[in-house]
N, C-alpha and C. Protein backbone atom coordinates (compact mmCIF):
# COMPACT_ATOMS: atom_id res chain seq x y z
N MET A 1 109.64 164.59 61.09
CA MET A 1 109.22 163.26 61.51
C MET A 1 107.82 163.34 62.11
N ALA A 2 107.01 162.39 61.76
CA ALA A 2 105.67 162.31 62.34
C ALA A 2 105.77 161.85 63.78
N LYS A 3 104.78 162.24 64.58
CA LYS A 3 104.79 161.91 66.01
C LYS A 3 104.93 160.41 66.24
N ASN A 4 104.20 159.58 65.50
CA ASN A 4 104.30 158.14 65.73
C ASN A 4 105.67 157.60 65.33
N GLU A 5 106.32 158.23 64.35
CA GLU A 5 107.68 157.84 63.97
C GLU A 5 108.67 158.18 65.08
N VAL A 6 108.51 159.34 65.68
CA VAL A 6 109.36 159.74 66.81
C VAL A 6 109.14 158.78 67.97
N ASP A 7 107.89 158.46 68.25
CA ASP A 7 107.59 157.51 69.33
C ASP A 7 108.22 156.15 69.08
N ASP A 8 108.16 155.68 67.82
CA ASP A 8 108.76 154.39 67.47
C ASP A 8 110.27 154.40 67.66
N ILE A 9 110.93 155.45 67.16
CA ILE A 9 112.38 155.58 67.31
C ILE A 9 112.75 155.65 68.79
N THR A 10 111.98 156.39 69.54
CA THR A 10 112.25 156.52 70.98
C THR A 10 112.12 155.17 71.66
N GLN A 11 111.05 154.45 71.40
CA GLN A 11 110.83 153.15 72.05
C GLN A 11 111.92 152.15 71.70
N ARG A 12 112.29 152.08 70.42
CA ARG A 12 113.36 151.14 70.00
C ARG A 12 114.69 151.50 70.66
N THR A 13 114.99 152.78 70.74
CA THR A 13 116.25 153.22 71.34
C THR A 13 116.28 152.90 72.83
N ILE A 14 115.18 153.13 73.52
CA ILE A 14 115.10 152.84 74.96
C ILE A 14 115.27 151.35 75.19
N GLU A 15 114.64 150.54 74.36
CA GLU A 15 114.71 149.08 74.51
C GLU A 15 116.14 148.56 74.35
N LYS A 16 116.95 149.24 73.57
CA LYS A 16 118.33 148.78 73.38
C LYS A 16 119.34 149.52 74.27
N GLY A 17 118.84 150.26 75.26
CA GLY A 17 119.73 150.88 76.24
C GLY A 17 119.88 152.39 76.13
N GLY A 18 119.07 153.01 75.29
CA GLY A 18 119.14 154.46 75.16
C GLY A 18 118.43 155.17 76.31
N LEU A 19 118.53 156.48 76.30
CA LEU A 19 117.94 157.30 77.36
C LEU A 19 117.19 158.48 76.73
N LEU A 20 116.03 158.77 77.26
CA LEU A 20 115.33 160.00 76.94
C LEU A 20 115.50 160.90 78.15
N VAL A 21 116.12 162.06 77.95
CA VAL A 21 116.46 162.92 79.08
C VAL A 21 116.02 164.36 78.83
N LYS A 22 115.91 165.09 79.91
CA LYS A 22 115.76 166.54 79.84
C LYS A 22 117.05 167.13 80.38
N LEU A 23 117.64 168.02 79.59
CA LEU A 23 118.85 168.71 79.97
C LEU A 23 118.49 170.16 80.27
N TYR A 24 118.95 170.66 81.38
CA TYR A 24 118.66 172.03 81.81
C TYR A 24 119.94 172.86 81.69
N PHE A 25 119.88 173.89 80.87
CA PHE A 25 121.04 174.75 80.64
C PHE A 25 120.76 176.16 81.12
N ASP A 26 121.82 176.85 81.53
CA ASP A 26 121.70 178.27 81.80
C ASP A 26 122.96 178.96 81.32
N MET A 27 122.81 180.22 80.94
CA MET A 27 123.93 181.04 80.48
C MET A 27 123.82 182.40 81.12
N HIS A 28 124.99 182.94 81.44
CA HIS A 28 125.06 184.25 82.08
C HIS A 28 126.16 185.06 81.41
N THR A 29 125.93 186.35 81.31
CA THR A 29 126.96 187.24 80.78
C THR A 29 126.75 188.63 81.34
N ASP A 30 127.83 189.37 81.40
CA ASP A 30 127.69 190.76 81.86
C ASP A 30 127.47 191.71 80.68
N ALA A 31 127.59 191.21 79.46
CA ALA A 31 127.36 192.02 78.27
C ALA A 31 126.00 191.66 77.67
N GLN A 32 125.33 192.65 77.14
CA GLN A 32 124.03 192.38 76.56
C GLN A 32 124.21 191.83 75.14
N THR A 33 124.48 190.52 75.09
CA THR A 33 124.60 189.84 73.80
C THR A 33 123.30 189.09 73.56
N ASP A 34 123.21 188.49 72.40
CA ASP A 34 122.00 187.75 72.08
C ASP A 34 122.12 186.34 72.67
N LEU A 35 121.82 186.22 73.94
CA LEU A 35 121.95 184.94 74.64
C LEU A 35 121.09 183.85 74.01
N GLN A 36 119.93 184.21 73.52
CA GLN A 36 119.07 183.20 72.89
C GLN A 36 119.74 182.62 71.65
N ALA A 37 120.41 183.43 70.88
CA ALA A 37 121.10 182.93 69.68
C ALA A 37 122.27 182.03 70.08
N VAL A 38 122.98 182.41 71.12
CA VAL A 38 124.09 181.59 71.60
C VAL A 38 123.56 180.24 72.10
N MET A 39 122.47 180.27 72.84
CA MET A 39 121.86 179.04 73.36
C MET A 39 121.34 178.18 72.21
N ALA A 40 120.70 178.82 71.22
CA ALA A 40 120.20 178.08 70.06
C ALA A 40 121.36 177.42 69.30
N ASP A 41 122.48 178.11 69.20
CA ASP A 41 123.66 177.53 68.55
C ASP A 41 124.16 176.32 69.34
N LEU A 42 124.18 176.43 70.65
CA LEU A 42 124.60 175.30 71.49
C LEU A 42 123.71 174.08 71.22
N ILE A 43 122.42 174.30 71.15
CA ILE A 43 121.47 173.19 70.97
C ILE A 43 121.50 172.66 69.54
N ASN A 44 121.35 173.55 68.56
CA ASN A 44 121.19 173.13 67.16
C ASN A 44 122.49 172.75 66.46
N ASN A 45 123.57 173.40 66.79
CA ASN A 45 124.81 173.17 66.06
C ASN A 45 125.84 172.35 66.83
N LYS A 46 125.62 172.17 68.10
CA LYS A 46 126.57 171.38 68.88
C LYS A 46 125.92 170.15 69.50
N LEU A 47 124.93 170.35 70.35
CA LEU A 47 124.28 169.23 71.03
C LEU A 47 123.62 168.28 70.03
N LEU A 48 122.87 168.81 69.09
CA LEU A 48 122.17 167.97 68.12
C LEU A 48 123.13 167.15 67.27
N LYS A 49 124.34 167.66 67.08
CA LYS A 49 125.34 166.96 66.27
C LYS A 49 126.29 166.10 67.10
N ALA A 50 126.09 166.07 68.41
CA ALA A 50 126.98 165.29 69.28
C ALA A 50 126.76 163.80 69.06
N LYS A 51 127.82 163.04 69.23
CA LYS A 51 127.75 161.58 69.07
C LYS A 51 126.69 161.01 70.01
N GLY A 52 125.80 160.21 69.45
CA GLY A 52 124.78 159.53 70.24
C GLY A 52 123.47 160.26 70.39
N VAL A 53 123.39 161.52 69.97
CA VAL A 53 122.12 162.27 70.05
C VAL A 53 121.32 161.96 68.79
N LEU A 54 120.18 161.30 68.99
CA LEU A 54 119.33 160.95 67.85
C LEU A 54 118.39 162.09 67.49
N TYR A 55 117.89 162.79 68.50
CA TYR A 55 117.14 164.01 68.28
C TYR A 55 117.13 164.81 69.57
N CYS A 56 116.88 166.10 69.42
CA CYS A 56 116.68 166.95 70.60
C CYS A 56 115.84 168.15 70.19
N PHE A 57 115.10 168.65 71.15
CA PHE A 57 114.29 169.83 70.95
C PHE A 57 114.09 170.49 72.30
N GLY A 58 113.79 171.77 72.28
CA GLY A 58 113.61 172.44 73.56
C GLY A 58 113.08 173.84 73.42
N SER A 59 113.09 174.52 74.54
CA SER A 59 112.64 175.90 74.57
C SER A 59 113.68 176.73 75.32
N ILE A 60 113.84 177.96 74.84
CA ILE A 60 114.80 178.88 75.42
C ILE A 60 114.04 180.06 76.00
N ASP A 61 114.32 180.37 77.25
CA ASP A 61 113.65 181.50 77.91
C ASP A 61 114.18 182.83 77.39
N GLU A 62 113.33 183.83 77.50
CA GLU A 62 113.75 185.19 77.18
C GLU A 62 114.83 185.60 78.20
N PRO A 63 115.89 186.26 77.74
CA PRO A 63 116.91 186.72 78.68
C PRO A 63 116.33 187.74 79.66
N ILE A 64 116.83 187.69 80.87
CA ILE A 64 116.43 188.67 81.87
C ILE A 64 117.68 189.32 82.44
N LYS A 65 117.52 190.52 82.95
CA LYS A 65 118.63 191.22 83.58
C LYS A 65 118.44 191.13 85.08
N ASP A 66 119.50 190.70 85.76
CA ASP A 66 119.51 190.61 87.21
C ASP A 66 120.76 191.31 87.69
N LYS A 67 120.59 192.48 88.28
CA LYS A 67 121.71 193.33 88.69
C LYS A 67 122.55 193.66 87.46
N ASP A 68 123.81 193.25 87.43
CA ASP A 68 124.69 193.57 86.30
C ASP A 68 124.84 192.41 85.33
N MET A 69 124.02 191.37 85.48
CA MET A 69 124.14 190.17 84.64
C MET A 69 122.88 189.97 83.80
N PHE A 70 123.10 189.38 82.62
CA PHE A 70 122.01 188.93 81.78
C PHE A 70 122.02 187.41 81.84
N THR A 71 120.85 186.80 81.88
CA THR A 71 120.78 185.35 82.01
C THR A 71 119.63 184.79 81.19
N THR A 72 119.81 183.58 80.71
CA THR A 72 118.75 182.84 80.06
C THR A 72 118.92 181.37 80.40
N SER A 73 117.86 180.61 80.18
CA SER A 73 117.94 179.17 80.43
C SER A 73 117.17 178.45 79.33
N ALA A 74 117.45 177.14 79.25
CA ALA A 74 116.78 176.32 78.25
C ALA A 74 116.53 174.93 78.85
N ILE A 75 115.44 174.34 78.42
CA ILE A 75 115.15 172.95 78.76
C ILE A 75 115.10 172.20 77.43
N VAL A 76 115.96 171.18 77.32
CA VAL A 76 116.10 170.43 76.07
C VAL A 76 115.79 168.96 76.34
N THR A 77 114.88 168.41 75.57
CA THR A 77 114.61 166.97 75.62
C THR A 77 115.45 166.32 74.54
N ALA A 78 116.19 165.27 74.92
CA ALA A 78 117.09 164.61 73.97
C ALA A 78 116.97 163.10 74.09
N LEU A 79 117.00 162.45 72.94
CA LEU A 79 117.08 161.00 72.90
C LEU A 79 118.53 160.66 72.61
N ILE A 80 119.13 159.91 73.56
CA ILE A 80 120.55 159.60 73.49
C ILE A 80 120.70 158.09 73.38
N ASP A 81 121.59 157.66 72.51
CA ASP A 81 121.75 156.26 72.14
C ASP A 81 122.20 155.34 73.28
N SER A 82 123.00 155.84 74.23
CA SER A 82 123.54 154.97 75.27
C SER A 82 123.93 155.77 76.50
N LEU A 83 124.16 155.06 77.59
CA LEU A 83 124.65 155.70 78.82
C LEU A 83 126.02 156.31 78.57
N GLU A 84 126.86 155.61 77.84
CA GLU A 84 128.20 156.13 77.52
C GLU A 84 128.10 157.47 76.78
N ASP A 85 127.23 157.55 75.78
CA ASP A 85 127.05 158.80 75.04
C ASP A 85 126.48 159.88 75.96
N ALA A 86 125.56 159.53 76.84
CA ALA A 86 124.99 160.50 77.78
C ALA A 86 126.07 161.07 78.70
N MET A 87 126.97 160.21 79.18
CA MET A 87 128.06 160.70 80.03
C MET A 87 128.93 161.69 79.27
N ASN A 88 129.26 161.38 78.03
CA ASN A 88 130.08 162.29 77.23
C ASN A 88 129.37 163.62 77.00
N ILE A 89 128.08 163.57 76.76
CA ILE A 89 127.30 164.78 76.53
C ILE A 89 127.25 165.63 77.79
N VAL A 90 127.02 165.00 78.92
CA VAL A 90 126.98 165.73 80.19
C VAL A 90 128.33 166.37 80.47
N PHE A 91 129.41 165.64 80.24
CA PHE A 91 130.73 166.20 80.48
C PHE A 91 131.05 167.33 79.50
N THR A 92 130.71 167.15 78.24
CA THR A 92 131.03 168.14 77.21
C THR A 92 130.21 169.42 77.35
N PHE A 93 128.92 169.29 77.63
CA PHE A 93 128.03 170.45 77.61
C PHE A 93 127.68 170.98 78.99
N ALA A 94 128.01 170.25 80.03
CA ALA A 94 127.83 170.68 81.42
C ALA A 94 126.46 171.32 81.70
N PRO A 95 125.38 170.56 81.49
CA PRO A 95 124.07 171.14 81.84
C PRO A 95 123.99 171.38 83.35
N ALA A 96 123.14 172.32 83.74
CA ALA A 96 122.96 172.61 85.16
C ALA A 96 122.31 171.42 85.87
N ALA A 97 121.48 170.68 85.14
CA ALA A 97 120.83 169.48 85.69
C ALA A 97 120.44 168.57 84.53
N ILE A 98 120.19 167.32 84.87
CA ILE A 98 119.72 166.34 83.89
C ILE A 98 118.65 165.49 84.56
N GLU A 99 117.58 165.24 83.84
CA GLU A 99 116.47 164.42 84.35
C GLU A 99 116.24 163.26 83.38
N VAL A 100 116.31 162.04 83.89
CA VAL A 100 116.05 160.87 83.04
C VAL A 100 114.54 160.65 82.99
N ILE A 101 113.98 160.72 81.79
CA ILE A 101 112.55 160.51 81.60
C ILE A 101 112.27 159.03 81.34
N LYS A 102 113.07 158.45 80.45
CA LYS A 102 112.94 157.03 80.13
C LYS A 102 114.32 156.45 80.03
N PRO A 103 114.57 155.26 80.44
CA PRO A 103 113.57 154.29 80.88
C PRO A 103 113.10 154.61 82.30
N GLU A 104 111.93 154.14 82.59
CA GLU A 104 111.39 154.27 83.94
C GLU A 104 111.75 153.00 84.70
N GLY A 105 111.92 153.09 85.98
CA GLY A 105 112.27 151.90 86.76
C GLY A 105 113.74 151.56 86.62
N GLU A 106 114.04 150.31 86.36
CA GLU A 106 115.42 149.84 86.30
C GLU A 106 116.07 150.13 84.96
N TYR A 107 117.38 150.25 85.01
CA TYR A 107 118.19 150.40 83.80
C TYR A 107 119.27 149.33 83.89
N ARG A 108 119.28 148.43 82.95
CA ARG A 108 120.23 147.32 82.98
C ARG A 108 121.29 147.50 81.91
N LEU A 109 122.50 147.10 82.29
CA LEU A 109 123.62 147.13 81.35
C LEU A 109 124.22 145.74 81.23
N LYS A 110 124.63 145.40 80.03
CA LYS A 110 125.42 144.19 79.84
C LYS A 110 126.81 144.49 80.40
N GLN A 111 127.54 143.45 80.74
CA GLN A 111 128.88 143.65 81.28
C GLN A 111 129.73 144.47 80.31
N SER A 112 129.66 144.16 79.03
CA SER A 112 130.46 144.88 78.04
C SER A 112 130.07 146.36 77.98
N GLU A 113 128.78 146.66 78.13
CA GLU A 113 128.33 148.06 78.12
C GLU A 113 128.84 148.80 79.35
N LEU A 114 128.78 148.15 80.49
CA LEU A 114 129.30 148.75 81.72
C LEU A 114 130.79 149.01 81.58
N GLN A 115 131.50 148.03 81.04
CA GLN A 115 132.95 148.16 80.85
C GLN A 115 133.25 149.33 79.91
N ASN A 116 132.56 149.42 78.78
CA ASN A 116 132.78 150.53 77.84
C ASN A 116 132.47 151.87 78.48
N THR A 117 131.42 151.91 79.29
CA THR A 117 131.05 153.14 79.97
C THR A 117 132.13 153.57 80.94
N LEU A 118 132.65 152.63 81.70
CA LEU A 118 133.70 152.96 82.66
C LEU A 118 135.00 153.37 81.97
N VAL A 119 135.34 152.70 80.87
CA VAL A 119 136.52 153.09 80.09
C VAL A 119 136.33 154.50 79.55
N SER A 120 135.13 154.81 79.08
CA SER A 120 134.84 156.15 78.58
C SER A 120 134.99 157.18 79.70
N LEU A 121 134.49 156.87 80.87
CA LEU A 121 134.61 157.77 82.02
C LEU A 121 136.09 158.00 82.36
N SER A 122 136.88 156.93 82.32
CA SER A 122 138.31 157.06 82.58
C SER A 122 138.96 157.96 81.53
N SER A 123 138.58 157.79 80.29
CA SER A 123 139.13 158.61 79.21
C SER A 123 138.76 160.08 79.40
N ILE A 124 137.52 160.33 79.75
CA ILE A 124 137.07 161.71 80.01
C ILE A 124 137.91 162.31 81.13
N SER A 125 138.11 161.54 82.18
CA SER A 125 138.88 162.01 83.32
C SER A 125 140.32 162.32 82.91
N MET A 126 140.92 161.43 82.12
CA MET A 126 142.29 161.67 81.66
C MET A 126 142.37 162.91 80.77
N ASN A 127 141.41 163.06 79.87
CA ASN A 127 141.42 164.23 78.97
C ASN A 127 141.26 165.52 79.76
N TYR A 128 140.40 165.51 80.76
CA TYR A 128 140.19 166.69 81.59
C TYR A 128 141.45 166.99 82.39
N SER A 129 142.06 165.96 82.95
CA SER A 129 143.30 166.15 83.71
C SER A 129 144.38 166.72 82.81
N GLU A 130 144.49 166.18 81.60
CA GLU A 130 145.49 166.67 80.65
C GLU A 130 145.24 168.13 80.32
N TYR A 131 143.99 168.49 80.11
CA TYR A 131 143.62 169.87 79.80
C TYR A 131 144.07 170.81 80.93
N ILE A 132 143.80 170.41 82.17
CA ILE A 132 144.17 171.24 83.32
C ILE A 132 145.69 171.30 83.46
N LEU A 133 146.33 170.13 83.41
CA LEU A 133 147.78 170.08 83.60
C LEU A 133 148.53 170.90 82.55
N LYS A 134 148.04 170.87 81.32
CA LYS A 134 148.69 171.60 80.24
C LYS A 134 148.75 173.08 80.54
N ARG A 135 147.79 173.56 81.29
CA ARG A 135 147.72 174.99 81.56
C ARG A 135 148.46 175.42 82.82
N ILE A 136 148.85 174.47 83.67
CA ILE A 136 149.51 174.86 84.92
C ILE A 136 150.95 174.37 85.02
N MET A 137 151.38 173.48 84.15
CA MET A 137 152.72 172.91 84.24
C MET A 137 153.67 173.55 83.23
N SER A 138 154.96 173.38 83.52
CA SER A 138 155.96 173.76 82.53
C SER A 138 155.84 172.79 81.35
N GLN A 139 156.37 173.19 80.20
CA GLN A 139 156.28 172.36 79.01
C GLN A 139 156.96 171.01 79.22
N SER A 140 158.13 170.98 79.87
CA SER A 140 158.84 169.71 80.07
C SER A 140 158.09 168.79 81.03
N ASP A 141 157.54 169.35 82.11
CA ASP A 141 156.74 168.53 83.03
C ASP A 141 155.49 168.01 82.34
N TYR A 142 154.87 168.86 81.52
CA TYR A 142 153.67 168.44 80.80
C TYR A 142 153.99 167.31 79.83
N GLU A 143 155.10 167.40 79.10
CA GLU A 143 155.48 166.35 78.16
C GLU A 143 155.72 165.02 78.87
N LYS A 144 156.31 165.06 80.07
CA LYS A 144 156.52 163.84 80.85
C LYS A 144 155.17 163.22 81.24
N ILE A 145 154.27 164.03 81.75
CA ILE A 145 152.93 163.55 82.13
C ILE A 145 152.20 163.02 80.90
N LYS A 146 152.33 163.70 79.78
CA LYS A 146 151.68 163.27 78.54
C LYS A 146 152.19 161.88 78.14
N GLY A 147 153.50 161.65 78.28
CA GLY A 147 154.07 160.34 78.00
C GLY A 147 153.53 159.27 78.93
N ASP A 148 153.40 159.62 80.22
CA ASP A 148 152.83 158.68 81.20
C ASP A 148 151.39 158.33 80.85
N ILE A 149 150.62 159.32 80.43
CA ILE A 149 149.22 159.09 80.06
C ILE A 149 149.15 158.18 78.83
N LYS A 150 150.02 158.42 77.86
CA LYS A 150 150.05 157.59 76.65
C LYS A 150 150.40 156.15 76.99
N ALA A 151 151.38 155.96 77.89
CA ALA A 151 151.76 154.61 78.32
C ALA A 151 150.60 153.93 79.04
N ARG A 152 149.87 154.69 79.85
CA ARG A 152 148.70 154.14 80.55
C ARG A 152 147.63 153.72 79.57
N GLU A 153 147.43 154.54 78.55
CA GLU A 153 146.43 154.24 77.51
C GLU A 153 146.81 152.95 76.78
N GLU A 154 148.08 152.80 76.44
CA GLU A 154 148.54 151.59 75.75
C GLU A 154 148.38 150.35 76.63
N LEU A 155 148.68 150.49 77.92
CA LEU A 155 148.49 149.38 78.86
C LEU A 155 147.02 148.99 78.92
N GLY A 156 146.14 149.97 78.98
CA GLY A 156 144.70 149.70 79.00
C GLY A 156 144.25 148.95 77.76
N LYS A 157 144.78 149.33 76.60
CA LYS A 157 144.42 148.65 75.35
C LYS A 157 144.89 147.20 75.37
N ARG A 158 146.12 146.97 75.87
CA ARG A 158 146.63 145.60 75.95
C ARG A 158 145.79 144.75 76.89
N ILE A 159 145.43 145.32 78.03
CA ILE A 159 144.61 144.58 79.00
C ILE A 159 143.25 144.26 78.40
N MET A 160 142.64 145.25 77.73
CA MET A 160 141.33 145.02 77.11
C MET A 160 141.43 143.94 76.03
N GLY A 161 142.53 143.93 75.27
CA GLY A 161 142.73 142.91 74.24
C GLY A 161 142.84 141.52 74.85
N LYS A 162 143.55 141.40 75.97
CA LYS A 162 143.69 140.11 76.65
C LYS A 162 142.34 139.65 77.17
N ASN A 163 141.56 140.56 77.73
CA ASN A 163 140.24 140.21 78.25
C ASN A 163 139.33 139.70 77.14
N GLU A 164 139.39 140.34 75.96
CA GLU A 164 138.56 139.92 74.84
C GLU A 164 138.98 138.54 74.34
N GLU A 165 140.30 138.26 74.35
CA GLU A 165 140.79 136.95 73.91
C GLU A 165 140.33 135.83 74.84
N GLN A 166 140.19 136.14 76.14
CA GLN A 166 139.81 135.13 77.12
C GLN A 166 138.34 134.77 77.06
N LYS A 167 137.54 135.56 76.42
CA LYS A 167 136.09 135.33 76.37
C LYS A 167 135.73 134.24 75.42
């Protein structure tokens, strides 16, 4: 993509609620593996293909040895389609930090966008809770909780449907 094409895509995305961010990643291991290749795979094969990522690029530092650990870091600039997608990316990839470059100043959401973002956050929270619970509970207790979560999800869908009908 030509620079002016990237600028145009960035501007249009920001105008419709997208975000241009810098994501800061770090990786540590006690084995001397190719950390740069692992980091490149994270960026090129996972982050770049994540829902809502329109483009991303970055730089990966040379690994360094500190005591018994090897470490590397990366700074990735990404254009993300929405706040909801950004939340999912942050939760999924767990960057050490995130810096919002654009928009500058205020960021406004329509009520429906805020609602979708909050529902997405609730879903992330439920999925994370389920992941943790699955690993610490007995199978029968986990199945009961799983049923409760499914019932909660169905209730949420019914409530959202009623809200849409009232509009």
